């Protein structure tokens, strides 16, 4: 029984996700469909990449991952197929995959679509899933992609004693998640004292392990399950309390030997 994950900006109010799933099941009745999220902000491929990137590796090899999030400016609806690290991926050729994976992706195929019918990409996707489940080689139902769209994945700026990152995601609890990883923090910091600075709050000088490490209502900084630095408030909302929003800078200054 094949596992298919689904990540979209369809939401849950309308029929779109249900219609797409029905088409999939009409082609492959034995699928196990798992929703990663249908609540990506419409047209936001950066958010889609963040959401999916932190979920797909939890699934077993052989899983099929469907992504259906487009930019507002997308004027074509090319759908890609790629096999990577033992998983199958199907999604739009709009730079989404370049935001998910750091390495160069090869080979990448284009699905044979239903161009004569608007908004019918679900049929091309369902047929591709059916072929994958039946272990039919991709070259029998897709063609090579000659132009893979790329997007720049912005990274923190690194200095000998400083990291300057920014908020890349606000979760449902209004925690502010940054693009500063635990590995980068350890690599630059080398165990030195630090000051974590962001707008609306005095410097934070301690990384916690749990939200409950601080009193209710107090600011807490920790590395979350994805290994990214998160600014939160124990039982509160960092976004609302500190007006901390997407793209806001977050700076970590480490002490130099002369300061210690």
C-alpha atoms as a PDB file:
ATOM      1  CA  UNK A   1       0.000   0.000   0.000  1.00  0.00           C
ATOM      2  CA  UNK A   2       1.686   3.211  -1.196  1.00  0.00           C
ATOM      3  CA  UNK A   3       1.930   6.279   1.034  1.00  0.00           C
ATOM      4  CA  UNK A   4       1.146   9.601  -0.628  1.00  0.00           C
ATOM      5  CA  UNK A   5       1.696  12.898   1.201  1.00  0.00           C
ATOM      6  CA  UNK A   6      -0.127  16.048   0.182  1.00  0.00           C
ATOM      7  CA  UNK A   7       0.988  19.680   0.695  1.00  0.00           C
ATOM      8  CA  UNK A   8      -1.125  22.470  -0.784  1.00  0.00           C
ATOM      9  CA  UNK A   9      -2.589  25.928  -0.257  1.00  0.00           C
ATOM     10  CA  UNK A  10      -6.120  24.606  -0.859  1.00  0.00           C
ATOM     11  CA  UNK A  11      -7.325  25.118   2.714  1.00  0.00           C
ATOM     12  CA  UNK A  12     -10.077  22.972   4.207  1.00  0.00           C
ATOM     13  CA  UNK A  13     -13.179  25.064   3.468  1.00  0.00           C
ATOM     14  CA  UNK A  14     -13.505  24.340  -0.240  1.00  0.00           C
ATOM     15  CA  UNK A  15     -13.773  21.112  -2.200  1.00  0.00           C
ATOM     16  CA  UNK A  16     -10.343  21.355  -3.870  1.00  0.00           C
ATOM     17  CA  UNK A  17      -8.385  18.966  -1.630  1.00  0.00           C
ATOM     18  CA  UNK A  18     -11.235  16.450  -1.572  1.00  0.00           C
ATOM     19  CA  UNK A  19     -11.610  16.570  -5.338  1.00  0.00           C
ATOM     20  CA  UNK A  20      -7.888  15.998  -5.825  1.00  0.00           C
ATOM     21  CA  UNK A  21      -7.858  13.077  -3.376  1.00  0.00           C
ATOM     22  CA  UNK A  22     -10.878  11.538  -5.081  1.00  0.00           C
ATOM     23  CA  UNK A  23      -9.072  11.649  -8.415  1.00  0.00           C
ATOM     24  CA  UNK A  24      -6.022   9.975  -6.860  1.00  0.00           C
ATOM     25  CA  UNK A  25      -8.122   7.223  -5.281  1.00  0.00           C
ATOM     26  CA  UNK A  26     -10.041   6.648  -8.534  1.00  0.00           C
ATOM     27  CA  UNK A  27      -6.721   5.781 -10.163  1.00  0.00           C
ATOM     28  CA  UNK A  28      -5.223   3.939  -7.143  1.00  0.00           C
ATOM     29  CA  UNK A  29      -7.863   2.826  -4.595  1.00  0.00           C
ATOM     30  CA  UNK A  30      -5.320   1.383  -2.156  1.00  0.00           C
ATOM     31  CA  UNK A  31      -3.382   4.600  -1.497  1.00  0.00           C
ATOM     32  CA  UNK A  32      -2.759   5.855   2.023  1.00  0.00           C
ATOM     33  CA  UNK A  33      -3.000   9.655   1.727  1.00  0.00           C
ATOM     34  CA  UNK A  34      -1.419  11.733   4.490  1.00  0.00           C
ATOM     35  CA  UNK A  35      -2.007  15.483   4.663  1.00  0.00           C
ATOM     36  CA  UNK A  36       1.118  17.406   5.607  1.00  0.00           C
ATOM     37  CA  UNK A  37      -0.756  20.699   5.268  1.00  0.00           C
ATOM     38  CA  UNK A  38      -3.452  22.329   3.182  1.00  0.00           C
ATOM     39  CA  UNK A  39      -3.045  25.665   4.972  1.00  0.00           C
ATOM     40  CA  UNK A  40       0.035  27.082   3.309  1.00  0.00           C
ATOM     41  CA  UNK A  41      -0.593  30.789   2.687  1.00  0.00           C
ATOM     42  CA  UNK A  42      -1.953  30.994  -0.872  1.00  0.00           C
ATOM     43  CA  UNK A  43       0.769  31.319  -3.528  1.00  0.00           C
ATOM     44  CA  UNK A  44       3.567  31.304  -0.920  1.00  0.00           C
ATOM     45  CA  UNK A  45       6.102  28.780  -2.208  1.00  0.00           C
ATOM     46  CA  UNK A  46       8.668  29.791   0.440  1.00  0.00           C
ATOM     47  CA  UNK A  47       6.251  28.802   3.196  1.00  0.00           C
ATOM     48  CA  UNK A  48       5.347  25.631   1.304  1.00  0.00           C
ATOM     49  CA  UNK A  49       9.023  24.702   1.051  1.00  0.00           C
ATOM     50  CA  UNK A  50       9.573  25.325   4.775  1.00  0.00           C
ATOM     51  CA  UNK A  51       6.534  23.264   5.765  1.00  0.00           C
ATOM     52  CA  UNK A  52       7.351  20.351   3.506  1.00  0.00           C
ATOM     53  CA  UNK A  53      11.110  20.378   4.109  1.00  0.00           C
ATOM     54  CA  UNK A  54      10.594  19.728   7.810  1.00  0.00           C
ATOM     55  CA  UNK A  55       8.162  16.848   7.302  1.00  0.00           C
ATOM     56  CA  UNK A  56       8.998  14.623   4.341  1.00  0.00           C
ATOM     57  CA  UNK A  57      12.045  12.891   5.798  1.00  0.00           C
ATOM     58  CA  UNK A  58       9.861  11.436   8.573  1.00  0.00           C
ATOM     59  CA  UNK A  59       8.150   9.210   6.009  1.00  0.00           C
ATOM     60  CA  UNK A  60       9.502   5.816   4.878  1.00  0.00           C
ATOM     61  CA  UNK A  61      11.447   5.373   1.662  1.00  0.00           C
ATOM     62  CA  UNK A  62       9.224   4.764  -1.311  1.00  0.00           C
ATOM     63  CA  UNK A  63       6.703   7.409  -0.237  1.00  0.00           C
ATOM     64  CA  UNK A  64       5.203   9.638  -2.921  1.00  0.00           C
ATOM     65  CA  UNK A  65       5.083  13.351  -2.095  1.00  0.00           C
ATOM     66  CA  UNK A  66       2.696  15.715  -3.890  1.00  0.00           C
ATOM     67  CA  UNK A  67       3.118  19.494  -3.709  1.00  0.00           C
ATOM     68  CA  UNK A  68       0.598  21.860  -5.247  1.00  0.00           C
ATOM     69  CA  UNK A  69       1.482  25.506  -4.505  1.00  0.00           C
ATOM     70  CA  UNK A  70       2.047  28.075  -7.233  1.00  0.00           C
ATOM     71  CA  UNK A  71       3.238  31.665  -7.360  1.00  0.00           C
ATOM     72  CA  UNK A  72       0.730  34.319  -8.358  1.00  0.00           C
ATOM     73  CA  UNK A  73       2.891  35.061 -11.393  1.00  0.00           C
ATOM     74  CA  UNK A  74       3.112  31.468 -12.607  1.00  0.00           C
ATOM     75  CA  UNK A  75       1.955  31.571 -16.209  1.00  0.00           C
ATOM     76  CA  UNK A  76       2.542  27.900 -16.873  1.00  0.00           C
ATOM     77  CA  UNK A  77       1.662  24.806 -14.911  1.00  0.00           C
ATOM     78  CA  UNK A  78       4.469  22.386 -15.670  1.00  0.00           C
ATOM     79  CA  UNK A  79       4.559  19.530 -13.166  1.00  0.00           C
ATOM     80  CA  UNK A  80       7.826  17.817 -12.309  1.00  0.00           C
ATOM     81  CA  UNK A  81       8.678  14.321 -11.186  1.00  0.00           C
ATOM     82  CA  UNK A  82      11.911  13.374  -9.466  1.00  0.00           C
ATOM     83  CA  UNK A  83      13.226  10.423  -7.505  1.00  0.00           C
ATOM     84  CA  UNK A  84      15.513  11.557  -4.706  1.00  0.00           C
ATOM     85  CA  UNK A  85      16.930   9.806  -1.619  1.00  0.00           C
ATOM     86  CA  UNK A  86      14.568   6.884  -2.150  1.00  0.00           C
ATOM     87  CA  UNK A  87      11.433   9.053  -2.311  1.00  0.00           C
ATOM     88  CA  UNK A  88       9.209  10.192  -5.182  1.00  0.00           C
ATOM     89  CA  UNK A  89       8.313  13.879  -5.594  1.00  0.00           C
ATOM     90  CA  UNK A  90       5.747  15.569  -7.832  1.00  0.00           C
ATOM     91  CA  UNK A  91       5.317  19.334  -7.855  1.00  0.00           C
ATOM     92  CA  UNK A  92       5.342  22.511  -9.946  1.00  0.00           C
ATOM     93  CA  UNK A  93       8.329  23.787 -11.888  1.00  0.00           C
ATOM     94  CA  UNK A  94       8.400  27.174 -10.148  1.00  0.00           C
ATOM     95  CA  UNK A  95      11.508  26.973  -7.974  1.00  0.00           C
ATOM     96  CA  UNK A  96       9.819  25.147  -5.104  1.00  0.00           C
ATOM     97  CA  UNK A  97      12.183  22.179  -5.226  1.00  0.00           C
ATOM     98  CA  UNK A  98      15.261  24.425  -5.234  1.00  0.00           C
ATOM     99  CA  UNK A  99      14.019  25.851  -1.906  1.00  0.00           C
ATOM    100  CA  UNK A 100      13.540  22.368  -0.453  1.00  0.00           C
ATOM    101  CA  UNK A 101      16.778  20.700  -1.534  1.00  0.00           C
ATOM    102  CA  UNK A 102      20.253  22.199  -1.331  1.00  0.00           C
ATOM    103  CA  UNK A 103      21.842  19.754  -3.748  1.00  0.00           C
ATOM    104  CA  UNK A 104      21.492  19.727  -7.523  1.00  0.00           C
ATOM    105  CA  UNK A 105      18.594  17.512  -8.560  1.00  0.00           C
ATOM    106  CA  UNK A 106      19.098  15.084 -11.448  1.00  0.00           C
ATOM    107  CA  UNK A 107      17.395  13.674 -13.342  1.00  0.00           C
ATOM    108  CA  UNK A 108      14.147  15.655 -13.335  1.00  0.00           C
ATOM    109  CA  UNK A 109      11.199  14.763 -15.549  1.00  0.00           C
ATOM    110  CA  UNK A 110       8.155  16.666 -16.806  1.00  0.00           C
ATOM    111  CA  UNK A 111       4.732  15.069 -16.537  1.00  0.00           C
ATOM    112  CA  UNK A 112       2.628  14.720 -19.629  1.00  0.00           C
ATOM    113  CA  UNK A 113      -0.167  17.145 -18.774  1.00  0.00           C
ATOM    114  CA  UNK A 114      -3.735  17.804 -19.882  1.00  0.00           C
ATOM    115  CA  UNK A 115      -3.162  21.193 -21.515  1.00  0.00           C
ATOM    116  CA  UNK A 116      -6.487  21.243 -23.307  1.00  0.00           C
ATOM    117  CA  UNK A 117      -8.348  21.243 -19.984  1.00  0.00           C
ATOM    118  CA  UNK A 118      -7.807  24.112 -17.529  1.00  0.00           C
ATOM    119  CA  UNK A 119      -7.214  23.239 -13.854  1.00  0.00           C
ATOM    120  CA  UNK A 120      -6.860  19.554 -14.651  1.00  0.00           C
ATOM    121  CA  UNK A 121      -3.348  18.937 -13.315  1.00  0.00           C
ATOM    122  CA  UNK A 122      -4.812  16.463 -10.832  1.00  0.00           C
ATOM    123  CA  UNK A 123      -5.398  13.977 -13.666  1.00  0.00           C
ATOM    124  CA  UNK A 124      -1.770  14.134 -14.813  1.00  0.00           C
ATOM    125  CA  UNK A 125      -0.630  13.767 -11.195  1.00  0.00           C
ATOM    126  CA  UNK A 126      -2.983  10.837 -10.551  1.00  0.00           C
ATOM    127  CA  UNK A 127      -1.736   9.045 -13.654  1.00  0.00           C
ATOM    128  CA  UNK A 128       1.876   9.602 -12.562  1.00  0.00           C
ATOM    129  CA  UNK A 129       1.124   8.211  -9.097  1.00  0.00           C
ATOM    130  CA  UNK A 130      -0.513   5.191 -10.706  1.00  0.00           C
ATOM    131  CA  UNK A 131       2.597   4.584 -12.828  1.00  0.00           C
ATOM    132  CA  UNK A 132       4.880   4.922  -9.784  1.00  0.00           C
ATOM    133  CA  UNK A 133       2.787   2.455  -7.792  1.00  0.00           C
ATOM    134  CA  UNK A 134       2.860   0.009 -10.719  1.00  0.00           C
ATOM    135  CA  UNK A 135       6.650   0.476 -10.989  1.00  0.00           C
ATOM    136  CA  UNK A 136       6.529   1.676 -14.588  1.00  0.00           C
ATOM    137  CA  UNK A 137       9.808   3.478 -15.474  1.00  0.00           C
ATOM    138  CA  UNK A 138       9.469   7.299 -15.612  1.00  0.00           C
ATOM    139  CA  UNK A 139      10.730   7.484 -19.193  1.00  0.00           C
ATOM    140  CA  UNK A 140       7.542   5.664 -20.243  1.00  0.00           C
ATOM    141  CA  UNK A 141       5.220   8.403 -18.914  1.00  0.00           C
ATOM    142  CA  UNK A 142       7.317  11.580 -18.628  1.00  0.00           C
ATOM    143  CA  UNK A 143       9.957  13.463 -20.575  1.00  0.00           C
ATOM    144  CA  UNK A 144      13.245  15.092 -19.508  1.00  0.00           C
ATOM    145  CA  UNK A 145      13.053  18.594 -18.033  1.00  0.00           C
ATOM    146  CA  UNK A 146      15.496  20.896 -19.796  1.00  0.00           C
ATOM    147  CA  UNK A 147      14.842  24.024 -17.711  1.00  0.00           C
ATOM    148  CA  UNK A 148      14.503  23.644 -13.954  1.00  0.00           C
ATOM    149  CA  UNK A 149      13.321  26.860 -12.289  1.00  0.00           C
ATOM    150  CA  UNK A 150      15.518  28.068  -9.427  1.00  0.00           C
ATOM    151  CA  UNK A 151      14.844  30.305  -6.438  1.00  0.00           C
ATOM    152  CA  UNK A 152      17.392  31.776  -4.032  1.00  0.00           C
ATOM    153  CA  UNK A 153      17.151  30.367  -0.526  1.00  0.00           C
ATOM    154  CA  UNK A 154      18.364  33.241   1.663  1.00  0.00           C
ATOM    155  CA  UNK A 155      20.849  32.222   4.335  1.00  0.00           C
ATOM    156  CA  UNK A 156      22.128  33.925   7.482  1.00  0.00           C
ATOM    157  CA  UNK A 157      25.082  36.295   7.184  1.00  0.00           C
ATOM    158  CA  UNK A 158      28.060  34.913   9.106  1.00  0.00           C
ATOM    159  CA  UNK A 159      30.899  36.877  10.750  1.00  0.00           C
ATOM    160  CA  UNK A 160      33.679  35.605  13.065  1.00  0.00           C
ATOM    161  CA  UNK A 161      31.701  36.615  16.148  1.00  0.00           C
ATOM    162  CA  UNK A 162      28.224  37.299  14.806  1.00  0.00           C
ATOM    163  CA  UNK A 163      25.308  35.674  13.023  1.00  0.00           C
ATOM    164  CA  UNK A 164      22.623  37.800  11.381  1.00  0.00           C
ATOM    165  CA  UNK A 165      19.543  35.839  10.385  1.00  0.00           C
ATOM    166  CA  UNK A 166      15.848  36.592  10.086  1.00  0.00           C
ATOM    167  CA  UNK A 167      12.418  35.201  10.856  1.00  0.00           C
ATOM    168  CA  UNK A 168      11.289  32.790   8.144  1.00  0.00           C
ATOM    169  CA  UNK A 169       8.081  31.377   9.648  1.00  0.00           C
ATOM    170  CA  UNK A 170       5.371  32.138  12.196  1.00  0.00           C
ATOM    171  CA  UNK A 171       3.655  28.995  13.418  1.00  0.00           C
ATOM    172  CA  UNK A 172       0.104  28.630  14.696  1.00  0.00           C
ATOM    173  CA  UNK A 173       1.270  29.505  18.235  1.00  0.00           C
ATOM    174  CA  UNK A 174       2.862  32.717  16.898  1.00  0.00           C
ATOM    175  CA  UNK A 175       6.344  31.435  17.653  1.00  0.00           C
ATOM    176  CA  UNK A 176       8.936  33.115  15.427  1.00  0.00           C
ATOM    177  CA  UNK A 177      11.172  30.576  13.683  1.00  0.00           C
ATOM    178  CA  UNK A 178      14.456  31.822  12.250  1.00  0.00           C
ATOM    179  CA  UNK A 179      16.862  30.540   9.617  1.00  0.00           C
ATOM    180  CA  UNK A 180      19.636  30.085  12.201  1.00  0.00           C
ATOM    181  CA  UNK A 181      20.345  26.395  12.767  1.00  0.00           C
ATOM    182  CA  UNK A 182      21.746  24.709  15.844  1.00  0.00           C
ATOM    183  CA  UNK A 183      24.770  23.565  13.809  1.00  0.00           C
ATOM    184  CA  UNK A 184      25.553  27.114  12.674  1.00  0.00           C
ATOM    185  CA  UNK A 185      25.123  28.472  16.205  1.00  0.00           C
ATOM    186  CA  UNK A 186      27.570  25.892  17.563  1.00  0.00           C
ATOM    187  CA  UNK A 187      30.003  26.318  14.687  1.00  0.00           C
ATOM    188  CA  UNK A 188      30.311  30.104  15.050  1.00  0.00           C
ATOM    189  CA  UNK A 189      29.802  30.309  18.799  1.00  0.00           C
ATOM    190  CA  UNK A 190      32.303  27.660  19.888  1.00  0.00           C
ATOM    191  CA  UNK A 191      30.769  27.685  23.356  1.00  0.00           C
ATOM    192  CA  UNK A 192      31.244  31.438  23.858  1.00  0.00           C
ATOM    193  CA  UNK A 193      28.790  33.660  25.747  1.00  0.00           C
ATOM    194  CA  UNK A 194      26.343  35.433  23.460  1.00  0.00           C
ATOM    195  CA  UNK A 195      23.650  38.078  23.191  1.00  0.00           C
ATOM    196  CA  UNK A 196      20.615  37.304  21.045  1.00  0.00           C
ATOM    197  CA  UNK A 197      19.052  40.530  19.815  1.00  0.00           C
ATOM    198  CA  UNK A 198      15.715  41.180  18.127  1.00  0.00           C
ATOM    199  CA  UNK A 199      13.363  44.114  18.082  1.00  0.00           C
ATOM    200  CA  UNK A 200      11.135  44.857  21.012  1.00  0.00           C
ATOM    201  CA  UNK A 201      13.115  42.984  23.680  1.00  0.00           C
ATOM    202  CA  UNK A 202      16.292  43.218  25.708  1.00  0.00           C
ATOM    203  CA  UNK A 203      19.096  40.818  24.712  1.00  0.00           C
ATOM    204  CA  UNK A 204      18.596  37.135  25.520  1.00  0.00           C
ATOM    205  CA  UNK A 205      21.709  35.348  26.797  1.00  0.00           C
ATOM    206  CA  UNK A 206      20.513  31.774  27.283  1.00  0.00           C
ATOM    207  CA  UNK A 207      19.212  29.012  25.025  1.00  0.00           C
ATOM    208  CA  UNK A 208      16.552  26.901  26.718  1.00  0.00           C
ATOM    209  CA  UNK A 209      15.634  23.264  26.136  1.00  0.00           C
ATOM    210  CA  UNK A 210      11.904  23.543  26.849  1.00  0.00           C
ATOM    211  CA  UNK A 211       9.277  26.280  26.762  1.00  0.00           C
ATOM    212  CA  UNK A 212       8.634  25.620  30.459  1.00  0.00           C
ATOM    213  CA  UNK A 213      12.239  26.514  31.356  1.00  0.00           C
ATOM    214  CA  UNK A 214      11.008  30.084  31.880  1.00  0.00           C
ATOM    215  CA  UNK A 215       7.981  31.411  33.800  1.00  0.00           C
ATOM    216  CA  UNK A 216       4.655  31.781  32.014  1.00  0.00           C
ATOM    217  CA  UNK A 217       4.650  34.948  29.922  1.00  0.00           C
ATOM    218  CA  UNK A 218       8.443  35.145  29.654  1.00  0.00           C
ATOM    219  CA  UNK A 219      10.466  35.074  26.444  1.00  0.00           C
ATOM    220  CA  UNK A 220      12.172  31.779  25.634  1.00  0.00           C
ATOM    221  CA  UNK A 221      14.696  30.995  22.887  1.00  0.00           C
ATOM    222  CA  UNK A 222      15.341  27.398  21.913  1.00  0.00           C
ATOM    223  CA  UNK A 223      16.142  25.132  18.990  1.00  0.00           C
ATOM    224  CA  UNK A 224      12.969  23.441  17.815  1.00  0.00           C
ATOM    225  CA  UNK A 225      12.391  19.950  16.425  1.00  0.00           C
ATOM    226  CA  UNK A 226      13.661  21.112  13.032  1.00  0.00           C
ATOM    227  CA  UNK A 227      16.919  22.306  14.618  1.00  0.00           C
ATOM    228  CA  UNK A 228      16.126  25.988  13.988  1.00  0.00           C
ATOM    229  CA  UNK A 229      16.325  28.834  16.485  1.00  0.00           C
ATOM    230  CA  UNK A 230      12.859  29.759  17.696  1.00  0.00           C
ATOM    231  CA  UNK A 231      11.758  32.819  19.654  1.00  0.00           C
ATOM    232  CA  UNK A 232       8.671  32.129  21.719  1.00  0.00           C
ATOM    233  CA  UNK A 233       6.783  33.127  24.853  1.00  0.00           C
ATOM    234  CA  UNK A 234       5.854  30.442  27.360  1.00  0.00           C
ATOM    235  CA  UNK A 235       2.062  30.187  27.026  1.00  0.00           C
ATOM    236  CA  UNK A 236       2.096  33.409  25.013  1.00  0.00           C
ATOM    237  CA  UNK A 237       2.515  34.809  21.506  1.00  0.00           C
ATOM    238  CA  UNK A 238       5.876  36.224  20.439  1.00  0.00           C
ATOM    239  CA  UNK A 239       4.509  37.669  17.204  1.00  0.00           C
ATOM    240  CA  UNK A 240       1.786  39.706  18.906  1.00  0.00           C
ATOM    241  CA  UNK A 241       3.749  40.723  21.996  1.00  0.00           C
ATOM    242  CA  UNK A 242       6.866  41.904  20.194  1.00  0.00           C
ATOM    243  CA  UNK A 243       5.511  42.663  16.701  1.00  0.00           C
ATOM    244  CA  UNK A 244       8.025  40.091  15.518  1.00  0.00           C
ATOM    245  CA  UNK A 245       7.168  39.248  11.932  1.00  0.00           C
ATOM    246  CA  UNK A 246       8.449  37.582   8.791  1.00  0.00           C
ATOM    247  CA  UNK A 247      11.825  38.838   7.555  1.00  0.00           C
ATOM    248  CA  UNK A 248      12.579  40.679  10.803  1.00  0.00           C
ATOM    249  CA  UNK A 249      16.307  40.445  11.631  1.00  0.00           C
ATOM    250  CA  UNK A 250      17.635  38.346  14.500  1.00  0.00           C
ATOM    251  CA  UNK A 251      21.264  38.882  15.516  1.00  0.00           C
ATOM    252  CA  UNK A 252      23.534  36.797  17.735  1.00  0.00           C
ATOM    253  CA  UNK A 253      26.708  38.460  18.996  1.00  0.00           C
ATOM    254  CA  UNK A 254      29.347  36.189  20.531  1.00  0.00           C
ATOM    255  CA  UNK A 255      31.945  37.443  22.971  1.00  0.00           C
ATOM    256  CA  UNK A 256      35.477  37.813  21.635  1.00  0.00           C
ATOM    257  CA  UNK A 257      38.385  36.581  23.819  1.00  0.00           C
ATOM    258  CA  UNK A 258      39.172  40.154  24.881  1.00  0.00           C
ATOM    259  CA  UNK A 259      35.623  40.565  26.174  1.00  0.00           C
ATOM    260  CA  UNK A 260      35.624  37.389  28.238  1.00  0.00           C
END
